[in-house]
Every structure is written in structure tokens, then in C-alpha cells.
């Protein structure tokens, strides 16, 4: 049979086939069992890589290599048995300030990575992993919003030197009471100007006490719920980064639920612990006159 196509078309087809084969090569390399190490507060301590190497040598565990940067290290092994044993040893040695998670790391050679060739990211159906369905606590989100309004009302009235008998929460809103109608009206004018787009104000008088109740509007409630879901999704994305999952799925489902899919994650218990952890913020008094080095040495 005579080839009726011009030579450049045949060359183009050949180049396309070669490029497709080149960028499909990473899928032929099996993934390495690995442990991923990151710090709960960001950067790793200097010399951690050498410390891990000594720790694994003493335990008789042969790591293929230890790689990573200042924020994360990845230790590769030849078998899942060594991976699991190393996870327990490293986790116990580093303590609670570090996140030690099991992972499957692509074993693509360096020359392919320089060409931006990487293996195909498989989903849960082909690669396995974990699937979480989380629900945002909307009652807690609304309660925190009311707490903020209660604090803001108190601060606003104190700054304007408006005396009040009490500010407290009522179902779905905040209530403020005053000794006379004139003081109540002054406070009401100020607060309506600042919060009228989120709260509806109703006056009342009872037994010589004058007050008003401020209730959340429906648009404000919807905004609080929407923000609560968005905030939780952002927090979950940051926590998933600790697990080093390629192409995780984190998306809203319905009005108050979030779906999290983590392909390739082996340590489901650790993943659940990281995703479900409660964030806390602490404030501590600092003595700026003291020497921090002496304080650390003395405990």
C-alpha cells in the first residue's frame, strides 16, 4: 500500500505518539510507602532531617531517601511494614507538636519531573482513600454571632458614655435595658445606625424599665451560615495540606455539610484526628523585662 500522506503529517503523528508515551511513563512507576512529617505551627526545626536519619538507623530501618523543605519532610521506604514501624517510632520521638502521617508518594524519576511529567491522579474508586461527610454546627455559629453583638453593644455604649442597666441575649437576638426612655432612644439611634442592616430593633417598656430587643434578620442569618461553611472549608483545606494529598476533594454539600475525599491516604484514623481537631487560641502574659533564655532553661 502506498502512503498517500505527506511526510510532515507522518512526522507529526509520530511526535504526538512519542510525547504521549513520554508523559504516560510516570504511571509505570509504583508509589513508595512513605511518612510525611510537618510541624503543627509551620516550619520544621533545623537539623530535623539528620535527626530522622539517625533515628531510623538506630531502629534498623532502611529509608530510600528523605526529601522535602523547611515546612515538610517526606521519608520513603521500600515496604509498608517499614513505613508503619517508622511512623510509630518517629511519632513517639517527635511528640505532639509534629504531624506524622502515612502516605503513598509518587516514585517518578527526577528527569521526568523536570519535564513536568507526573502520574495520573486517581480517585477513591481506583486508588482507595477516605471519604468524610462533615456537618457544620450552625447553632454554634449563630451563638458566636450573638456573643459578638452582645460584646459590641457593650463596647459601643461605654464609648459613648451611655449608661445601661444590662445587656443580655434573648432567643435569636440581644436585649438591652435602661433606666429611662431618653437614654434608651439615644442608644437605639446609635446601634440602629451601625447594625440596622443585620438586626431589627423593637422597643419595649415594663415596670419602669425601658429597653429594646435586637433580632437577627433572615439575610443576616443566611450570611452567618454561609460564612461558617466557607470558614470551615478553608480550615479543612489547610489541614488537608498537612497530609500531602494530591487533588483532594473538599466541597459544600447542601446548606451545612462539607464532603472531604482524600485519595491515597492510608492512615484514616490520623486523617480523622487532623480534620476533626478543635482549633484553640491562647493569650499569655509576657514579662518583657525577663531573659527568655533563662526562662526556658529554668522551665
Protein backbone atom coordinates (compact mmCIF):
# COMPACT_ATOMS: atom_id res chain seq x y z
CA UNK A 1 0.00 0.00 0.00
CA UNK A 2 1.34 3.41 -0.96
CA UNK A 3 1.40 6.10 1.73
CA UNK A 4 -0.59 8.98 0.25
CA UNK A 5 0.02 11.38 3.18
CA UNK A 6 2.80 13.99 3.07
CA UNK A 7 5.90 13.27 5.19
CA UNK A 8 5.24 16.11 7.66
CA UNK A 9 1.88 14.61 8.66
CA UNK A 10 3.51 11.26 9.40
CA UNK A 11 6.21 13.05 11.41
CA UNK A 12 3.57 14.97 13.36
CA UNK A 13 1.71 11.75 14.23
CA UNK A 14 4.99 10.16 15.35
CA UNK A 15 5.84 13.15 17.57
CA UNK A 16 2.37 13.09 19.18
CA UNK A 17 2.70 9.36 19.91
CA UNK A 18 6.19 9.83 21.40
CA UNK A 19 5.05 12.74 23.60
CA UNK A 20 2.02 10.78 24.79
CA UNK A 21 4.23 7.80 25.66
CA UNK A 22 6.72 10.07 27.46
CA UNK A 23 4.10 11.70 29.66
CA UNK A 24 2.44 8.34 30.34
CA UNK A 25 5.70 6.85 31.66
CA UNK A 26 5.22 8.12 35.29
CA UNK A 27 2.22 5.79 35.62
CA UNK A 28 4.53 2.78 35.24
CA UNK A 29 6.46 3.60 38.42
CA UNK A 30 4.84 2.23 41.59
CA UNK A 31 4.23 4.56 44.52
CA UNK A 32 6.54 4.46 47.53
CA UNK A 33 5.15 3.86 51.04
CA UNK A 34 6.15 6.99 52.93
CA UNK A 35 5.64 9.01 56.08
CA UNK A 36 5.09 12.73 55.85
CA UNK A 37 6.26 15.00 58.65
CA UNK A 38 5.11 18.56 59.23
CA UNK A 39 5.03 20.88 62.22
CA UNK A 40 1.77 22.00 63.78
CA UNK A 41 2.97 25.63 63.72
CA UNK A 42 4.64 25.73 60.30
CA UNK A 43 8.41 25.47 59.89
CA UNK A 44 10.40 22.41 60.94
CA UNK A 45 13.24 22.64 63.40
CA UNK A 46 16.74 22.94 61.90
CA UNK A 47 18.60 19.63 61.64
CA UNK A 48 15.43 17.53 61.70
CA UNK A 49 16.45 15.67 58.55
CA UNK A 50 19.70 14.47 60.11
CA UNK A 51 17.89 13.64 63.34
CA UNK A 52 15.41 11.45 61.48
CA UNK A 53 18.22 9.68 59.64
CA UNK A 54 19.95 8.81 62.92
CA UNK A 55 16.65 7.73 64.49
CA UNK A 56 15.85 5.34 61.63
CA UNK A 57 19.40 3.95 61.58
CA UNK A 58 19.21 3.10 65.29
CA UNK A 59 15.88 1.33 64.67
CA UNK A 60 17.40 -0.68 61.80
CA UNK A 61 15.02 0.83 59.22
CA UNK A 62 16.41 1.50 55.76
CA UNK A 63 14.81 4.56 54.19
CA UNK A 64 15.09 5.02 50.42
CA UNK A 65 15.57 8.75 50.94
CA UNK A 66 14.47 11.72 52.99
CA UNK A 67 13.36 14.74 50.99
CA UNK A 68 11.50 17.97 51.47
CA UNK A 69 11.93 21.58 52.51
CA UNK A 70 11.70 23.77 55.61
CA UNK A 71 7.97 23.12 56.12
CA UNK A 72 7.64 19.41 55.33
CA UNK A 73 9.71 16.23 55.04
CA UNK A 74 8.89 13.01 53.20
CA UNK A 75 10.60 9.75 54.17
CA UNK A 76 10.28 6.98 51.55
CA UNK A 77 10.53 3.25 52.27
CA UNK A 78 10.65 0.04 50.27
CA UNK A 79 7.79 -1.68 52.11
CA UNK A 80 4.65 -0.85 54.04
CA UNK A 81 6.00 -2.81 57.03
CA UNK A 82 8.95 -0.43 57.34
CA UNK A 83 6.61 2.52 56.76
CA UNK A 84 4.27 1.53 59.60
CA UNK A 85 7.12 0.79 62.02
CA UNK A 86 8.79 4.10 61.19
CA UNK A 87 5.56 6.02 61.72
CA UNK A 88 5.28 4.71 65.29
CA UNK A 89 8.95 5.36 66.10
CA UNK A 90 9.08 8.85 64.57
CA UNK A 91 5.72 9.89 66.03
CA UNK A 92 6.80 8.88 69.54
CA UNK A 93 10.18 10.61 69.19
CA UNK A 94 8.87 13.92 67.80
CA UNK A 95 5.86 14.30 70.10
CA UNK A 96 2.55 16.06 69.63
CA UNK A 97 3.98 19.20 68.02
CA UNK A 98 4.57 17.29 64.81
CA UNK A 99 2.13 15.67 62.40
CA UNK A 100 3.36 12.26 61.22
CA UNK A 101 1.03 10.86 58.54
CA UNK A 102 1.15 7.81 56.29
CA UNK A 103 1.16 8.49 52.59
CA UNK A 104 1.84 6.99 49.17
CA UNK A 105 4.41 9.11 47.34
CA UNK A 106 4.85 9.06 43.55
CA UNK A 107 8.18 7.49 42.52
CA UNK A 108 8.56 9.44 39.28
CA UNK A 109 12.26 9.81 38.31
CA UNK A 110 13.79 13.25 38.50
CA UNK A 111 14.32 13.60 34.75
CA UNK A 112 10.60 13.09 34.19
CA UNK A 113 9.68 15.58 36.94
CA UNK A 114 11.85 18.21 35.24
CA UNK A 115 9.61 17.77 32.19
CA UNK A 116 6.52 18.27 34.41
CA UNK A 117 5.54 14.65 33.82
CA UNK A 118 3.58 13.22 36.73
CA UNK A 119 1.38 10.17 37.24
CA UNK A 120 -2.36 10.40 36.76
CA UNK A 121 -4.16 11.28 39.98
CA UNK A 122 -6.68 8.55 40.67
CA UNK A 123 -9.86 8.97 42.68
CA UNK A 124 -11.21 6.92 45.55
CA UNK A 125 -12.71 4.29 43.26
CA UNK A 126 -9.33 3.35 41.72
CA UNK A 127 -6.78 4.32 44.38
CA UNK A 128 -8.64 3.99 47.65
CA UNK A 129 -8.54 6.51 50.46
CA UNK A 130 -11.01 8.08 52.86
CA UNK A 131 -14.35 9.83 52.45
CA UNK A 132 -15.73 12.13 55.15
CA UNK A 133 -19.09 13.88 55.34
CA UNK A 134 -18.88 16.68 57.91
CA UNK A 135 -21.66 18.91 59.20
CA UNK A 136 -21.10 22.48 60.33
CA UNK A 137 -22.62 23.30 63.72
CA UNK A 138 -24.88 26.17 62.69
CA UNK A 139 -26.24 26.65 66.21
CA UNK A 140 -22.72 27.31 67.45
CA UNK A 141 -22.08 29.72 64.56
CA UNK A 142 -25.23 31.72 65.38
CA UNK A 143 -24.38 31.67 69.08
CA UNK A 144 -20.92 33.13 68.38
CA UNK A 145 -22.50 35.85 66.27
CA UNK A 146 -24.82 36.79 69.14
CA UNK A 147 -21.86 36.79 71.53
CA UNK A 148 -20.09 39.29 69.26
CA UNK A 149 -23.16 41.52 69.06
CA UNK A 150 -23.51 41.47 72.84
CA UNK A 151 -19.88 42.49 73.30
CA UNK A 152 -20.11 45.14 70.57
CA UNK A 153 -23.23 46.68 72.13
CA UNK A 154 -21.50 46.97 75.49
CA UNK A 155 -18.37 48.49 73.96
CA UNK A 156 -20.32 50.96 71.82
CA UNK A 157 -22.42 52.23 74.70
CA UNK A 158 -19.43 52.51 77.05
CA UNK A 159 -17.50 54.51 74.44
CA UNK A 160 -20.46 56.91 74.07
CA UNK A 161 -20.86 57.08 77.88
CA UNK A 162 -24.43 55.80 77.73
CA UNK A 163 -25.38 54.07 80.96
CA UNK A 164 -27.38 50.86 80.69
CA UNK A 165 -28.87 48.52 83.27
CA UNK A 166 -27.91 45.36 81.45
CA UNK A 167 -27.24 43.73 78.10
CA UNK A 168 -28.09 40.07 77.67
CA UNK A 169 -29.00 37.57 75.00
CA UNK A 170 -32.55 36.61 74.10
CA UNK A 171 -33.69 33.84 71.72
CA UNK A 172 -32.30 34.86 68.33
CA UNK A 173 -31.04 38.25 69.44
CA UNK A 174 -29.72 40.64 72.09
CA UNK A 175 -31.65 42.66 74.69
CA UNK A 176 -30.59 45.96 76.32
CA UNK A 177 -32.32 47.71 79.24
CA UNK A 178 -32.11 51.32 80.51
CA UNK A 179 -33.46 53.37 83.38
CA UNK A 180 -35.30 55.90 81.21
CA UNK A 181 -36.74 56.24 77.72
CA UNK A 182 -34.45 59.10 76.69
CA UNK A 183 -31.27 57.09 77.32
CA UNK A 184 -32.77 54.10 75.51
CA UNK A 185 -33.62 56.22 72.48
CA UNK A 186 -30.05 57.60 72.31
CA UNK A 187 -28.61 54.10 72.44
CA UNK A 188 -31.14 52.84 69.93
CA UNK A 189 -30.26 55.58 67.44
CA UNK A 190 -26.55 54.72 67.60
CA UNK A 191 -26.98 50.97 67.32
CA UNK A 192 -29.59 51.14 64.56
CA UNK A 193 -27.20 53.26 62.53
CA UNK A 194 -24.40 50.68 62.90
CA UNK A 195 -26.35 47.40 62.82
CA UNK A 196 -29.64 48.23 61.10
CA UNK A 197 -28.73 46.12 58.06
CA UNK A 198 -28.32 42.96 60.18
CA UNK A 199 -30.68 43.45 63.13
CA UNK A 200 -34.27 44.54 63.64
CA UNK A 201 -34.89 46.62 66.78
CA UNK A 202 -38.11 46.58 68.81
CA UNK A 203 -38.71 48.90 71.77
CA UNK A 204 -40.49 47.92 74.98
CA UNK A 205 -41.18 49.31 78.44
CA UNK A 206 -42.08 47.31 81.54
CA UNK A 207 -42.24 48.19 85.24
CA UNK A 208 -40.18 51.37 84.98
CA UNK A 209 -37.56 49.68 82.80
CA UNK A 210 -37.04 50.79 79.21
CA UNK A 211 -35.33 48.61 76.65
CA UNK A 212 -35.18 47.17 73.21
CA UNK A 213 -34.54 43.79 71.64
CA UNK A 214 -32.40 43.31 68.54
CA UNK A 215 -33.15 40.23 66.43
CA UNK A 216 -31.10 38.83 63.57
CA UNK A 217 -32.68 39.33 60.15
CA UNK A 218 -33.07 36.39 57.78
CA UNK A 219 -30.40 37.75 55.37
CA UNK A 220 -28.02 38.13 58.32
CA UNK A 221 -28.68 34.54 59.44
CA UNK A 222 -28.08 33.29 55.90
CA UNK A 223 -24.84 35.26 55.73
CA UNK A 224 -23.63 33.83 59.05
CA UNK A 225 -24.37 30.29 57.89
CA UNK A 226 -22.68 30.84 54.52
CA UNK A 227 -19.59 32.32 56.17
CA UNK A 228 -19.44 29.45 58.67
CA UNK A 229 -19.36 26.89 55.84
CA UNK A 230 -16.72 28.87 53.91
CA UNK A 231 -14.59 29.26 57.03
CA UNK A 232 -14.75 25.53 57.73
CA UNK A 233 -13.85 24.67 54.13
CA UNK A 234 -10.79 26.95 54.34
CA UNK A 235 -9.75 25.35 57.63
CA UNK A 236 -10.18 21.87 56.18
CA UNK A 237 -8.07 22.75 53.13
CA UNK A 238 -5.26 23.95 55.39
CA UNK A 239 -5.42 20.76 57.43
CA UNK A 240 -5.51 18.54 54.34
CA UNK A 241 -2.26 20.19 53.25
CA UNK A 242 -0.64 18.58 56.31
CA UNK A 243 -1.50 15.17 54.83
CA UNK A 244 0.05 15.99 51.44
CA UNK A 245 -2.88 14.58 49.46
CA UNK A 246 -2.79 15.12 45.69
CA UNK A 247 -6.03 16.62 44.36
CA UNK A 248 -8.26 16.26 47.42
CA UNK A 249 -11.98 16.97 47.01
CA UNK A 250 -13.36 19.47 49.54
CA UNK A 251 -16.75 20.89 48.61
CA UNK A 252 -20.00 22.01 50.14
CA UNK A 253 -22.99 19.68 50.09
CA UNK A 254 -26.33 21.24 50.90
CA UNK A 255 -26.52 24.17 53.30
CA UNK A 256 -24.46 22.88 56.21
CA UNK A 257 -22.39 19.88 55.09
CA UNK A 258 -18.91 19.50 53.63
CA UNK A 259 -17.63 16.49 51.68
CA UNK A 260 -13.94 15.62 52.02
CA UNK A 261 -12.35 12.94 49.82
CA UNK A 262 -8.67 12.09 50.31
CA UNK A 263 -7.40 9.67 47.63
CA UNK A 264 -4.43 7.53 48.59
CA UNK A 265 -4.49 8.29 52.33
CA UNK A 266 -3.68 5.15 54.30
CA UNK A 267 -3.93 6.40 57.87
CA UNK A 268 -7.67 7.00 58.18
CA UNK A 269 -7.53 7.42 61.97
CA UNK A 270 -4.86 10.12 61.71
CA UNK A 271 -6.76 11.86 58.91
CA UNK A 272 -9.89 11.92 61.06
CA UNK A 273 -7.90 13.26 64.01
CA UNK A 274 -6.39 16.09 61.96
CA UNK A 275 -9.63 17.10 60.23
CA UNK A 276 -11.71 16.91 63.40
CA UNK A 277 -9.29 18.72 65.71
CA UNK A 278 -10.65 21.73 67.57
CA UNK A 279 -8.67 24.91 66.96
CA UNK A 280 -7.72 26.88 70.06
CA UNK A 281 -6.17 30.30 70.55
CA UNK A 282 -4.34 31.15 73.77
CA UNK A 283 -3.28 34.56 75.11
CA UNK A 284 -0.44 34.62 77.63
CA UNK A 285 1.05 37.49 79.60
CA UNK A 286 4.68 38.14 78.69
CA UNK A 287 7.27 39.66 81.00
CA UNK A 288 9.31 41.73 78.56
CA UNK A 289 11.91 42.53 81.23
CA UNK A 290 12.84 38.86 81.70
CA UNK A 291 15.51 36.99 79.75
CA UNK A 292 13.73 34.36 77.57
CA UNK A 293 16.82 32.11 77.51
CA UNK A 294 16.96 32.00 81.33
CA UNK A 295 13.22 31.36 81.45
CA UNK A 296 13.50 28.41 79.04
CA UNK A 297 16.42 26.89 80.94
CA UNK A 298 14.65 27.20 84.29
CA UNK A 299 11.37 25.92 82.96
